Amino acid sequence: MEMSQIALNQGLTFLAWASGIVIIVVAGFLIKLLIDLSALAKNLNQTSVLLNDELKPTLQELNATLSSINAIVKSTDRGVDNFKTAVERTFGKTKLISESIFGGIIKGFTTVYSLFAKRKR
């Protein structure tokens, strides 16, 4: 029985040492992982600050450009409205003139026709 007791003690001692070594190795990898994650978080923070500093002027320029485009579109819209109004006025006057000319031509033809119709009878 003493032999089995010694073998059991040696097996348990080996298991304790092996478990200790595995725990130390795993703890080392966990510490390295935490250090790398910390460095990654610092780099992400620096990147976000850099992007924030670089994007502010770009967004301001974009805003100014869009304001300029908006002003150009508004002035063009006003010009188109003015042109539309001018064309409507011109066509309105042209319509009145053409109606009176067309009415006069028809009246003239009816007068001439009535004169020729009276002569034929």
N, C-alpha and C. Protein backbone atom coordinates (compact mmCIF):
# COMPACT_ATOMS: atom_id res chain seq x y z
N MET A 1 0.79 -1.18 0.00
CA MET A 1 0.00 0.00 0.00
C MET A 1 0.85 1.26 0.00
N GLU A 2 1.96 1.16 0.58
CA GLU A 2 2.80 2.34 0.61
C GLU A 2 3.27 2.71 -0.79
N MET A 3 3.44 1.74 -1.64
CA MET A 3 3.89 2.01 -2.98
C MET A 3 2.81 2.77 -3.76
N SER A 4 1.58 2.37 -3.59
CA SER A 4 0.50 3.06 -4.29
C SER A 4 0.32 4.47 -3.74
N GLN A 5 0.58 4.61 -2.45
CA GLN A 5 0.49 5.94 -1.81
C GLN A 5 1.55 6.87 -2.39
N ILE A 6 2.75 6.38 -2.60
CA ILE A 6 3.84 7.17 -3.14
C ILE A 6 3.52 7.52 -4.60
N ALA A 7 3.02 6.56 -5.37
CA ALA A 7 2.67 6.81 -6.77
C ALA A 7 1.55 7.85 -6.86
N LEU A 8 0.58 7.74 -5.94
CA LEU A 8 -0.52 8.72 -5.93
C LEU A 8 0.00 10.10 -5.59
N ASN A 9 0.91 10.21 -4.61
CA ASN A 9 1.48 11.51 -4.25
C ASN A 9 2.28 12.10 -5.40
N GLN A 10 3.05 11.27 -6.09
CA GLN A 10 3.84 11.77 -7.22
C GLN A 10 2.92 12.24 -8.35
N GLY A 11 1.84 11.49 -8.61
CA GLY A 11 0.88 11.88 -9.67
C GLY A 11 0.19 13.18 -9.34
N LEU A 12 -0.21 13.33 -8.08
CA LEU A 12 -0.86 14.58 -7.66
C LEU A 12 0.11 15.74 -7.70
N THR A 13 1.38 15.51 -7.32
CA THR A 13 2.39 16.56 -7.36
C THR A 13 2.63 16.99 -8.81
N PHE A 14 2.74 16.00 -9.73
CA PHE A 14 2.93 16.34 -11.14
C PHE A 14 1.72 17.12 -11.68
N LEU A 15 0.51 16.70 -11.31
CA LEU A 15 -0.69 17.39 -11.76
C LEU A 15 -0.72 18.81 -11.23
N ALA A 16 -0.32 19.04 -10.00
CA ALA A 16 -0.30 20.38 -9.43
C ALA A 16 0.70 21.25 -10.17
N TRP A 17 1.91 20.72 -10.41
CA TRP A 17 2.92 21.50 -11.13
C TRP A 17 2.49 21.79 -12.58
N ALA A 18 1.94 20.80 -13.23
CA ALA A 18 1.50 20.99 -14.61
C ALA A 18 0.36 22.01 -14.68
N SER A 19 -0.57 21.93 -13.74
CA SER A 19 -1.67 22.90 -13.69
C SER A 19 -1.14 24.30 -13.41
N GLY A 20 -0.18 24.42 -12.50
CA GLY A 20 0.43 25.72 -12.20
C GLY A 20 1.11 26.32 -13.42
N ILE A 21 1.85 25.46 -14.15
CA ILE A 21 2.55 25.95 -15.35
C ILE A 21 1.54 26.40 -16.41
N VAL A 22 0.48 25.62 -16.62
CA VAL A 22 -0.54 25.98 -17.61
C VAL A 22 -1.23 27.29 -17.20
N ILE A 23 -1.52 27.43 -15.91
CA ILE A 23 -2.17 28.67 -15.44
C ILE A 23 -1.25 29.85 -15.63
N ILE A 24 0.04 29.70 -15.39
CA ILE A 24 1.00 30.79 -15.59
C ILE A 24 1.09 31.16 -17.08
N VAL A 25 1.13 30.16 -17.94
CA VAL A 25 1.21 30.43 -19.39
C VAL A 25 -0.06 31.16 -19.85
N VAL A 26 -1.23 30.67 -19.42
CA VAL A 26 -2.50 31.30 -19.81
C VAL A 26 -2.56 32.73 -19.26
N ALA A 27 -2.12 32.94 -18.03
CA ALA A 27 -2.12 34.28 -17.45
C ALA A 27 -1.19 35.20 -18.24
N GLY A 28 -0.03 34.69 -18.70
CA GLY A 28 0.88 35.50 -19.51
C GLY A 28 0.23 35.92 -20.83
N PHE A 29 -0.46 34.98 -21.48
CA PHE A 29 -1.15 35.34 -22.72
C PHE A 29 -2.29 36.33 -22.47
N LEU A 30 -2.99 36.19 -21.35
CA LEU A 30 -4.06 37.14 -21.02
C LEU A 30 -3.50 38.53 -20.77
N ILE A 31 -2.35 38.59 -20.08
CA ILE A 31 -1.73 39.90 -19.84
C ILE A 31 -1.30 40.53 -21.16
N LYS A 32 -0.69 39.71 -22.06
CA LYS A 32 -0.30 40.23 -23.38
C LYS A 32 -1.51 40.69 -24.16
N LEU A 33 -2.61 39.95 -24.08
CA LEU A 33 -3.84 40.34 -24.76
C LEU A 33 -4.37 41.67 -24.23
N LEU A 34 -4.35 41.86 -22.92
CA LEU A 34 -4.80 43.12 -22.33
C LEU A 34 -3.92 44.29 -22.75
N ILE A 35 -2.61 44.07 -22.81
CA ILE A 35 -1.68 45.13 -23.24
C ILE A 35 -1.95 45.51 -24.70
N ASP A 36 -2.15 44.49 -25.57
CA ASP A 36 -2.44 44.76 -26.98
C ASP A 36 -3.78 45.48 -27.15
N LEU A 37 -4.77 45.08 -26.37
CA LEU A 37 -6.07 45.75 -26.43
C LEU A 37 -5.97 47.20 -25.97
N SER A 38 -5.16 47.45 -24.97
CA SER A 38 -4.95 48.82 -24.51
C SER A 38 -4.29 49.67 -25.59
N ALA A 39 -3.27 49.10 -26.25
CA ALA A 39 -2.61 49.83 -27.34
C ALA A 39 -3.58 50.08 -28.49
N LEU A 40 -4.42 49.10 -28.79
CA LEU A 40 -5.41 49.26 -29.84
C LEU A 40 -6.40 50.36 -29.49
N ALA A 41 -6.85 50.41 -28.25
CA ALA A 41 -7.78 51.46 -27.82
C ALA A 41 -7.13 52.84 -27.95
N LYS A 42 -5.85 52.96 -27.59
CA LYS A 42 -5.15 54.24 -27.73
C LYS A 42 -5.05 54.64 -29.21
N ASN A 43 -4.74 53.68 -30.07
CA ASN A 43 -4.64 53.98 -31.51
C ASN A 43 -6.00 54.39 -32.08
N LEU A 44 -7.05 53.71 -31.66
CA LEU A 44 -8.39 54.09 -32.11
C LEU A 44 -8.77 55.49 -31.65
N ASN A 45 -8.39 55.82 -30.43
CA ASN A 45 -8.67 57.17 -29.92
C ASN A 45 -7.91 58.22 -30.73
N GLN A 46 -6.63 57.97 -31.01
CA GLN A 46 -5.85 58.90 -31.81
C GLN A 46 -6.42 59.03 -33.22
N THR A 47 -6.86 57.91 -33.80
CA THR A 47 -7.44 57.95 -35.14
C THR A 47 -8.72 58.76 -35.15
N SER A 48 -9.57 58.57 -34.14
CA SER A 48 -10.83 59.33 -34.10
C SER A 48 -10.58 60.82 -33.90
N VAL A 49 -9.58 61.18 -33.10
CA VAL A 49 -9.23 62.60 -32.92
C VAL A 49 -8.70 63.17 -34.24
N LEU A 50 -7.85 62.42 -34.92
CA LEU A 50 -7.29 62.86 -36.20
C LEU A 50 -8.39 63.04 -37.24
N LEU A 51 -9.30 62.07 -37.32
CA LEU A 51 -10.42 62.19 -38.27
C LEU A 51 -11.30 63.38 -37.93
N ASN A 52 -11.54 63.60 -36.66
CA ASN A 52 -12.37 64.73 -36.24
C ASN A 52 -11.70 66.04 -36.65
N ASP A 53 -10.40 66.15 -36.43
CA ASP A 53 -9.68 67.38 -36.79
C ASP A 53 -9.64 67.58 -38.31
N GLU A 54 -9.53 66.49 -39.07
CA GLU A 54 -9.42 66.60 -40.53
C GLU A 54 -10.79 66.80 -41.18
N LEU A 55 -11.84 66.25 -40.59
CA LEU A 55 -13.16 66.34 -41.22
C LEU A 55 -13.87 67.66 -40.97
N LYS A 56 -13.55 68.35 -39.88
CA LYS A 56 -14.22 69.62 -39.60
C LYS A 56 -14.02 70.63 -40.73
N PRO A 57 -12.78 70.90 -41.18
CA PRO A 57 -12.61 71.85 -42.29
C PRO A 57 -13.27 71.37 -43.58
N THR A 58 -13.21 70.08 -43.83
CA THR A 58 -13.83 69.54 -45.04
C THR A 58 -15.34 69.74 -45.00
N LEU A 59 -15.94 69.48 -43.88
CA LEU A 59 -17.39 69.68 -43.74
C LEU A 59 -17.76 71.15 -43.85
N GLN A 60 -16.91 72.03 -43.33
CA GLN A 60 -17.19 73.47 -43.44
C GLN A 60 -17.11 73.90 -44.91
N GLU A 61 -16.11 73.40 -45.64
CA GLU A 61 -16.01 73.72 -47.07
C GLU A 61 -17.20 73.17 -47.84
N LEU A 62 -17.62 71.97 -47.51
CA LEU A 62 -18.78 71.37 -48.16
C LEU A 62 -20.04 72.19 -47.89
N ASN A 63 -20.18 72.66 -46.66
CA ASN A 63 -21.33 73.49 -46.31
C ASN A 63 -21.31 74.80 -47.10
N ALA A 64 -20.14 75.42 -47.22
CA ALA A 64 -20.04 76.67 -47.99
C ALA A 64 -20.34 76.42 -49.47
N THR A 65 -19.85 75.32 -50.00
CA THR A 65 -20.11 74.98 -51.40
C THR A 65 -21.59 74.75 -51.64
N LEU A 66 -22.23 74.03 -50.73
CA LEU A 66 -23.68 73.79 -50.88
C LEU A 66 -24.46 75.08 -50.77
N SER A 67 -24.03 76.00 -49.93
CA SER A 67 -24.69 77.30 -49.83
C SER A 67 -24.55 78.07 -51.14
N SER A 68 -23.37 78.03 -51.73
CA SER A 68 -23.15 78.70 -53.02
C SER A 68 -24.02 78.08 -54.11
N ILE A 69 -24.08 76.77 -54.16
CA ILE A 69 -24.91 76.09 -55.16
C ILE A 69 -26.37 76.44 -54.95
N ASN A 70 -26.80 76.50 -53.70
CA ASN A 70 -28.18 76.87 -53.39
C ASN A 70 -28.49 78.28 -53.87
N ALA A 71 -27.57 79.21 -53.67
CA ALA A 71 -27.77 80.59 -54.13
C ALA A 71 -27.85 80.64 -55.66
N ILE A 72 -26.98 79.87 -56.33
CA ILE A 72 -27.00 79.84 -57.80
C ILE A 72 -28.33 79.28 -58.29
N VAL A 73 -28.79 78.22 -57.67
CA VAL A 73 -30.06 77.61 -58.09
C VAL A 73 -31.22 78.57 -57.87
N LYS A 74 -31.20 79.28 -56.75
CA LYS A 74 -32.27 80.25 -56.48
C LYS A 74 -32.27 81.37 -57.52
N SER A 75 -31.09 81.90 -57.85
CA SER A 75 -31.04 82.98 -58.84
C SER A 75 -31.44 82.46 -60.22
N THR A 76 -31.06 81.26 -60.56
CA THR A 76 -31.47 80.66 -61.83
C THR A 76 -32.98 80.47 -61.86
N ASP A 77 -33.54 80.04 -60.73
CA ASP A 77 -34.99 79.86 -60.65
C ASP A 77 -35.71 81.19 -60.85
N ARG A 78 -35.17 82.26 -60.26
CA ARG A 78 -35.77 83.58 -60.46
C ARG A 78 -35.67 84.00 -61.92
N GLY A 79 -34.53 83.75 -62.55
CA GLY A 79 -34.36 84.08 -63.97
C GLY A 79 -35.31 83.30 -64.85
N VAL A 80 -35.51 82.03 -64.55
CA VAL A 80 -36.44 81.21 -65.33
C VAL A 80 -37.86 81.73 -65.14
N ASP A 81 -38.22 82.09 -63.92
CA ASP A 81 -39.55 82.65 -63.68
C ASP A 81 -39.74 83.95 -64.45
N ASN A 82 -38.74 84.82 -64.46
CA ASN A 82 -38.83 86.07 -65.22
C ASN A 82 -38.98 85.79 -66.71
N PHE A 83 -38.20 84.85 -67.23
CA PHE A 83 -38.30 84.49 -68.65
C PHE A 83 -39.67 83.91 -68.96
N LYS A 84 -40.17 83.08 -68.08
CA LYS A 84 -41.49 82.48 -68.27
C LYS A 84 -42.57 83.55 -68.32
N THR A 85 -42.47 84.50 -67.41
CA THR A 85 -43.44 85.59 -67.38
C THR A 85 -43.35 86.42 -68.67
N ALA A 86 -42.14 86.71 -69.12
CA ALA A 86 -41.96 87.48 -70.35
C ALA A 86 -42.53 86.73 -71.55
N VAL A 87 -42.28 85.44 -71.63
CA VAL A 87 -42.80 84.64 -72.74
C VAL A 87 -44.32 84.61 -72.69
N GLU A 88 -44.89 84.45 -71.50
CA GLU A 88 -46.35 84.43 -71.38
C GLU A 88 -46.94 85.76 -71.82
N ARG A 89 -46.33 86.86 -71.44
CA ARG A 89 -46.83 88.17 -71.86
C ARG A 89 -46.72 88.34 -73.37
N THR A 90 -45.57 87.92 -73.92
CA THR A 90 -45.36 88.04 -75.36
C THR A 90 -46.37 87.20 -76.13
N PHE A 91 -46.55 85.96 -75.73
CA PHE A 91 -47.51 85.10 -76.41
C PHE A 91 -48.94 85.58 -76.20
N GLY A 92 -49.21 86.17 -75.06
CA GLY A 92 -50.55 86.72 -74.82
C GLY A 92 -50.84 87.86 -75.79
N LYS A 93 -49.87 88.77 -75.97
CA LYS A 93 -50.05 89.88 -76.91
C LYS A 93 -50.09 89.36 -78.34
N THR A 94 -49.23 88.40 -78.65
CA THR A 94 -49.22 87.81 -79.99
C THR A 94 -50.55 87.12 -80.28
N LYS A 95 -51.10 86.48 -79.28
CA LYS A 95 -52.38 85.81 -79.45
C LYS A 95 -53.48 86.82 -79.75
N LEU A 96 -53.48 87.92 -79.01
CA LEU A 96 -54.48 88.95 -79.27
C LEU A 96 -54.34 89.52 -80.68
N ILE A 97 -53.09 89.78 -81.08
CA ILE A 97 -52.86 90.34 -82.42
C ILE A 97 -53.26 89.32 -83.48
N SER A 98 -52.87 88.07 -83.31
CA SER A 98 -53.20 87.06 -84.32
C SER A 98 -54.70 86.81 -84.37
N GLU A 99 -55.37 86.86 -83.23
CA GLU A 99 -56.83 86.69 -83.23
C GLU A 99 -57.50 87.83 -83.99
N SER A 100 -57.03 89.05 -83.76
CA SER A 100 -57.65 90.17 -84.46
C SER A 100 -57.34 90.11 -85.96
N ILE A 101 -56.11 89.71 -86.32
CA ILE A 101 -55.77 89.58 -87.74
C ILE A 101 -56.59 88.47 -88.37
N PHE A 102 -56.66 87.32 -87.69
CA PHE A 102 -57.42 86.19 -88.22
C PHE A 102 -58.90 86.54 -88.34
N GLY A 103 -59.41 87.24 -87.32
CA GLY A 103 -60.81 87.68 -87.36
C GLY A 103 -61.04 88.64 -88.52
N GLY A 104 -60.09 89.54 -88.76
CA GLY A 104 -60.21 90.49 -89.87
C GLY A 104 -60.17 89.78 -91.21
N ILE A 105 -59.30 88.78 -91.34
CA ILE A 105 -59.20 88.03 -92.60
C ILE A 105 -60.51 87.28 -92.86
N ILE A 106 -61.04 86.65 -91.84
CA ILE A 106 -62.31 85.93 -92.02
C ILE A 106 -63.43 86.90 -92.38
N LYS A 107 -63.47 88.04 -91.69
CA LYS A 107 -64.49 89.04 -91.99
C LYS A 107 -64.34 89.55 -93.43
N GLY A 108 -63.11 89.76 -93.86
CA GLY A 108 -62.85 90.19 -95.24
C GLY A 108 -63.31 89.14 -96.23
N PHE A 109 -62.97 87.86 -95.99
CA PHE A 109 -63.41 86.80 -96.89
C PHE A 109 -64.92 86.70 -96.95
N THR A 110 -65.56 86.81 -95.80
CA THR A 110 -67.04 86.73 -95.81
C THR A 110 -67.64 87.91 -96.56
N THR A 111 -67.03 89.08 -96.42
CA THR A 111 -67.54 90.25 -97.15
C THR A 111 -67.36 90.06 -98.66
N VAL A 112 -66.18 89.61 -99.06
CA VAL A 112 -65.92 89.38 -100.47
C VAL A 112 -66.82 88.28 -101.00
N TYR A 113 -67.01 87.24 -100.24
CA TYR A 113 -67.87 86.13 -100.65
C TYR A 113 -69.31 86.59 -100.81
N SER A 114 -69.75 87.41 -99.83
CA SER A 114 -71.13 87.90 -99.93
C SER A 114 -71.29 88.81 -101.14
N LEU A 115 -70.26 89.60 -101.48
CA LEU A 115 -70.32 90.43 -102.67
C LEU A 115 -70.40 89.59 -103.94
N PHE A 116 -69.57 88.55 -104.02
CA PHE A 116 -69.62 87.68 -105.20
C PHE A 116 -70.90 86.87 -105.25
N ALA A 117 -71.42 86.50 -104.07
CA ALA A 117 -72.66 85.73 -104.02
C ALA A 117 -73.82 86.57 -104.52
N LYS A 118 -73.83 87.88 -104.21
CA LYS A 118 -74.90 88.77 -104.66
C LYS A 118 -74.82 88.98 -106.17
N ARG A 119 -73.65 89.04 -106.73
CA ARG A 119 -73.48 89.27 -108.16
C ARG A 119 -73.89 88.07 -108.98
N LYS A 120 -73.70 86.88 -108.43
CA LYS A 120 -74.06 85.68 -109.17
C LYS A 120 -75.56 85.53 -109.26
N ARG A 121 -76.30 86.06 -108.38
CA ARG A 121 -77.75 85.88 -108.36
C ARG A 121 -78.36 86.75 -109.33
